[in-house]
Structure formats: C-alpha cells, structure tokens
Amino acid sequence: MRDIGKRLKRMVRQESDSRGRSSESISRRVLANVGHELKENPPAVLEKTRRKKGKAAAGRQRIAILLNKARRRGARIPRR
C-alpha cells in the first residue's frame, strides 16, 4: 500500500493553468486532499468489498474511488 502515492504521482499530467501554476502541483494537491478525506471517512462500500473479495480488491477499489473524486475536482489524471 505504500507505493500508491508514487504510482499516483506518475499518473499526473504536467501542464500549466492560466495563472502559471503547473497542473501537476494542482493535481497533487487535489490528490492529497482527496486521499486525506478517504482516510478520515472511508466509504462503507470499501468494507463490504474487503469482506467479500479481500484486502487487495478493496485497495484497488480505494484507488479507483480516489482517482474518480480527484478527476471530478479538476485533477489532470489521464484515464487508462
């Protein structure tokens, strides 16, 4: 689970916005905020997934939820 941050950092696109800030820094800030939010208040569906499918599947689902929320908030993360 520790390498999640490294993988997410590699996924962020590098561009700049109208104020000259790189979208990479904006996207990383959004990812950090969303990650903190999920850590503080995890969705109930993660617990159900962990019970039914296991810890690895719940981890993958957590990342999917995190990326989805970050994209909605404006992070520039390409879809794969």
N, C-alpha and C. Protein backbone atom coordinates (compact mmCIF):
# COMPACT_ATOMS: atom_id res chain seq x y z
N MET A 1 0.82 -1.20 0.00
CA MET A 1 0.00 0.00 0.00
C MET A 1 0.86 1.27 0.00
N ARG A 2 2.13 1.17 0.39
CA ARG A 2 2.96 2.35 0.49
C ARG A 2 3.30 2.95 -0.86
N ASP A 3 3.35 2.14 -1.90
CA ASP A 3 3.74 2.66 -3.21
C ASP A 3 2.58 3.30 -3.97
N ILE A 4 1.42 3.43 -3.36
CA ILE A 4 0.27 4.04 -4.02
C ILE A 4 0.57 5.49 -4.38
N GLY A 5 1.15 6.22 -3.44
CA GLY A 5 1.48 7.62 -3.69
C GLY A 5 2.43 7.78 -4.86
N LYS A 6 3.42 6.92 -4.95
CA LYS A 6 4.37 7.00 -6.06
C LYS A 6 3.68 6.72 -7.39
N ARG A 7 2.81 5.72 -7.39
CA ARG A 7 2.09 5.41 -8.64
C ARG A 7 1.18 6.54 -9.05
N LEU A 8 0.50 7.18 -8.09
CA LEU A 8 -0.40 8.27 -8.41
C LEU A 8 0.38 9.48 -8.93
N LYS A 9 1.54 9.74 -8.36
CA LYS A 9 2.36 10.87 -8.81
C LYS A 9 2.77 10.69 -10.26
N ARG A 10 3.07 9.45 -10.65
CA ARG A 10 3.48 9.20 -12.04
C ARG A 10 2.33 9.39 -13.02
N MET A 11 1.08 9.26 -12.54
CA MET A 11 -0.08 9.33 -13.42
C MET A 11 -0.49 10.77 -13.76
N VAL A 12 -0.03 11.73 -12.97
CA VAL A 12 -0.48 13.11 -13.12
C VAL A 12 0.17 13.75 -14.34
N ARG A 13 -0.63 14.40 -15.15
CA ARG A 13 -0.12 15.09 -16.33
C ARG A 13 0.53 16.41 -15.95
N GLN A 14 1.52 16.83 -16.73
CA GLN A 14 2.19 18.10 -16.46
C GLN A 14 1.74 19.13 -17.49
N GLU A 15 0.99 20.12 -17.05
CA GLU A 15 0.57 21.24 -17.88
C GLU A 15 0.50 22.45 -16.97
N SER A 16 0.21 23.63 -17.51
CA SER A 16 0.08 24.79 -16.63
C SER A 16 -1.27 25.46 -16.87
N ASP A 17 -1.77 26.12 -15.84
CA ASP A 17 -3.06 26.79 -15.96
C ASP A 17 -2.85 28.26 -16.30
N SER A 18 -3.93 29.04 -16.29
CA SER A 18 -3.86 30.45 -16.70
C SER A 18 -3.02 31.30 -15.75
N ARG A 19 -2.86 30.87 -14.51
CA ARG A 19 -2.07 31.63 -13.55
C ARG A 19 -0.60 31.25 -13.55
N GLY A 20 -0.23 30.32 -14.40
CA GLY A 20 1.15 29.89 -14.48
C GLY A 20 1.52 28.76 -13.54
N ARG A 21 0.57 28.31 -12.74
CA ARG A 21 0.84 27.18 -11.85
C ARG A 21 0.77 25.91 -12.67
N SER A 22 1.64 24.98 -12.37
CA SER A 22 1.59 23.73 -13.12
C SER A 22 0.41 22.91 -12.64
N SER A 23 -0.25 22.25 -13.56
CA SER A 23 -1.39 21.42 -13.18
C SER A 23 -0.92 20.21 -12.39
N GLU A 24 0.38 19.90 -12.53
CA GLU A 24 0.92 18.79 -11.75
C GLU A 24 0.83 19.11 -10.26
N SER A 25 1.21 20.33 -9.88
CA SER A 25 1.15 20.67 -8.45
C SER A 25 -0.30 20.78 -7.99
N ILE A 26 -1.17 21.31 -8.85
CA ILE A 26 -2.60 21.41 -8.51
C ILE A 26 -3.17 20.01 -8.35
N SER A 27 -2.84 19.11 -9.28
CA SER A 27 -3.36 17.75 -9.24
C SER A 27 -2.86 17.00 -8.01
N ARG A 28 -1.59 17.22 -7.66
CA ARG A 28 -1.06 16.54 -6.48
C ARG A 28 -1.74 17.05 -5.21
N ARG A 29 -2.04 18.34 -5.17
CA ARG A 29 -2.72 18.90 -4.02
C ARG A 29 -4.14 18.32 -3.91
N VAL A 30 -4.82 18.22 -5.06
CA VAL A 30 -6.17 17.64 -5.07
C VAL A 30 -6.12 16.18 -4.63
N LEU A 31 -5.14 15.43 -5.15
CA LEU A 31 -5.00 14.03 -4.76
C LEU A 31 -4.73 13.90 -3.26
N ALA A 32 -3.88 14.77 -2.72
CA ALA A 32 -3.58 14.72 -1.30
C ALA A 32 -4.83 15.00 -0.47
N ASN A 33 -5.62 16.00 -0.89
CA ASN A 33 -6.84 16.34 -0.16
C ASN A 33 -7.85 15.20 -0.20
N VAL A 34 -8.03 14.62 -1.38
CA VAL A 34 -8.99 13.52 -1.52
C VAL A 34 -8.50 12.30 -0.74
N GLY A 35 -7.20 12.03 -0.80
CA GLY A 35 -6.64 10.90 -0.06
C GLY A 35 -6.85 11.06 1.44
N HIS A 36 -6.65 12.27 1.93
CA HIS A 36 -6.85 12.54 3.35
C HIS A 36 -8.33 12.35 3.72
N GLU A 37 -9.20 12.81 2.84
CA GLU A 37 -10.64 12.67 3.08
C GLU A 37 -11.05 11.20 3.14
N LEU A 38 -10.52 10.39 2.21
CA LEU A 38 -10.86 8.96 2.20
C LEU A 38 -10.29 8.25 3.42
N LYS A 39 -9.13 8.70 3.89
CA LYS A 39 -8.53 8.08 5.07
C LYS A 39 -9.35 8.40 6.32
N GLU A 40 -9.82 9.64 6.41
CA GLU A 40 -10.61 10.06 7.57
C GLU A 40 -12.02 9.45 7.57
N ASN A 41 -12.62 9.36 6.39
CA ASN A 41 -14.01 8.91 6.29
C ASN A 41 -14.16 7.95 5.11
N PRO A 42 -13.70 6.70 5.25
CA PRO A 42 -13.78 5.77 4.12
C PRO A 42 -15.22 5.39 3.79
N PRO A 43 -15.53 5.21 2.51
CA PRO A 43 -16.88 4.79 2.12
C PRO A 43 -17.18 3.39 2.66
N ALA A 44 -18.44 3.15 2.97
CA ALA A 44 -18.87 1.86 3.51
C ALA A 44 -18.64 0.73 2.51
N VAL A 45 -18.68 1.06 1.23
CA VAL A 45 -18.53 0.03 0.20
C VAL A 45 -17.14 -0.62 0.27
N LEU A 46 -16.13 0.10 0.78
CA LEU A 46 -14.79 -0.49 0.90
C LEU A 46 -14.78 -1.65 1.90
N GLU A 47 -15.49 -1.48 2.99
CA GLU A 47 -15.55 -2.54 4.00
C GLU A 47 -16.27 -3.77 3.44
N LYS A 48 -17.35 -3.54 2.69
CA LYS A 48 -18.06 -4.67 2.08
C LYS A 48 -17.17 -5.40 1.10
N THR A 49 -16.43 -4.62 0.28
CA THR A 49 -15.54 -5.24 -0.70
C THR A 49 -14.44 -6.03 0.00
N ARG A 50 -13.89 -5.48 1.08
CA ARG A 50 -12.84 -6.17 1.80
C ARG A 50 -13.34 -7.51 2.35
N ARG A 51 -14.56 -7.51 2.88
CA ARG A 51 -15.11 -8.75 3.43
C ARG A 51 -15.39 -9.77 2.34
N LYS A 52 -15.94 -9.31 1.21
CA LYS A 52 -16.34 -10.25 0.15
C LYS A 52 -15.19 -10.68 -0.73
N LYS A 53 -14.33 -9.73 -1.14
CA LYS A 53 -13.31 -10.03 -2.14
C LYS A 53 -11.89 -10.03 -1.60
N GLY A 54 -11.66 -9.43 -0.43
CA GLY A 54 -10.32 -9.43 0.15
C GLY A 54 -9.69 -8.05 0.18
N LYS A 55 -8.55 -7.99 0.85
CA LYS A 55 -7.86 -6.73 1.08
C LYS A 55 -7.33 -6.10 -0.21
N ALA A 56 -6.80 -6.92 -1.11
CA ALA A 56 -6.23 -6.41 -2.36
C ALA A 56 -7.30 -5.76 -3.22
N ALA A 57 -8.47 -6.39 -3.32
CA ALA A 57 -9.56 -5.83 -4.12
C ALA A 57 -10.05 -4.52 -3.51
N ALA A 58 -10.10 -4.46 -2.19
CA ALA A 58 -10.53 -3.23 -1.52
C ALA A 58 -9.53 -2.11 -1.77
N GLY A 59 -8.25 -2.45 -1.81
CA GLY A 59 -7.21 -1.46 -2.10
C GLY A 59 -7.35 -0.91 -3.51
N ARG A 60 -7.61 -1.80 -4.46
CA ARG A 60 -7.81 -1.35 -5.85
C ARG A 60 -9.04 -0.46 -5.96
N GLN A 61 -10.10 -0.83 -5.24
CA GLN A 61 -11.32 -0.03 -5.28
C GLN A 61 -11.09 1.33 -4.64
N ARG A 62 -10.29 1.38 -3.57
CA ARG A 62 -9.98 2.65 -2.91
C ARG A 62 -9.26 3.59 -3.89
N ILE A 63 -8.31 3.04 -4.64
CA ILE A 63 -7.59 3.85 -5.62
C ILE A 63 -8.54 4.34 -6.71
N ALA A 64 -9.44 3.48 -7.17
CA ALA A 64 -10.40 3.88 -8.20
C ALA A 64 -11.31 5.00 -7.70
N ILE A 65 -11.77 4.90 -6.46
CA ILE A 65 -12.61 5.95 -5.89
C ILE A 65 -11.82 7.24 -5.75
N LEU A 66 -10.57 7.13 -5.29
CA LEU A 66 -9.72 8.30 -5.12
C LEU A 66 -9.49 9.02 -6.45
N LEU A 67 -9.16 8.28 -7.49
CA LEU A 67 -8.92 8.89 -8.80
C LEU A 67 -10.19 9.52 -9.36
N ASN A 68 -11.32 8.86 -9.18
CA ASN A 68 -12.58 9.38 -9.68
C ASN A 68 -12.92 10.71 -9.00
N LYS A 69 -12.79 10.76 -7.67
CA LYS A 69 -13.08 12.00 -6.95
C LYS A 69 -12.10 13.10 -7.34
N ALA A 70 -10.83 12.76 -7.51
CA ALA A 70 -9.83 13.76 -7.89
C ALA A 70 -10.11 14.31 -9.28
N ARG A 71 -10.49 13.44 -10.22
CA ARG A 71 -10.82 13.92 -11.57
C ARG A 71 -12.01 14.86 -11.54
N ARG A 72 -13.02 14.55 -10.72
CA ARG A 72 -14.19 15.43 -10.61
C ARG A 72 -13.82 16.79 -10.05
N ARG A 73 -12.79 16.83 -9.20
CA ARG A 73 -12.36 18.10 -8.60
C ARG A 73 -11.34 18.84 -9.44
N GLY A 74 -11.03 18.32 -10.63
CA GLY A 74 -10.19 19.06 -11.55
C GLY A 74 -8.76 18.59 -11.70
N ALA A 75 -8.40 17.48 -11.10
CA ALA A 75 -7.04 16.95 -11.27
C ALA A 75 -6.87 16.43 -12.69
N ARG A 76 -5.71 16.68 -13.26
CA ARG A 76 -5.45 16.22 -14.63
C ARG A 76 -4.79 14.84 -14.58
N ILE A 77 -5.62 13.81 -14.52
CA ILE A 77 -5.14 12.44 -14.44
C ILE A 77 -5.70 11.70 -15.65
N PRO A 78 -4.82 11.19 -16.53
CA PRO A 78 -5.32 10.50 -17.72
C PRO A 78 -5.98 9.17 -17.37
N ARG A 79 -6.99 8.82 -18.14
CA ARG A 79 -7.64 7.52 -17.97
C ARG A 79 -6.81 6.49 -18.71
N ARG A 80 -6.83 5.26 -18.20
CA ARG A 80 -6.03 4.22 -18.84
C ARG A 80 -6.91 3.25 -19.55
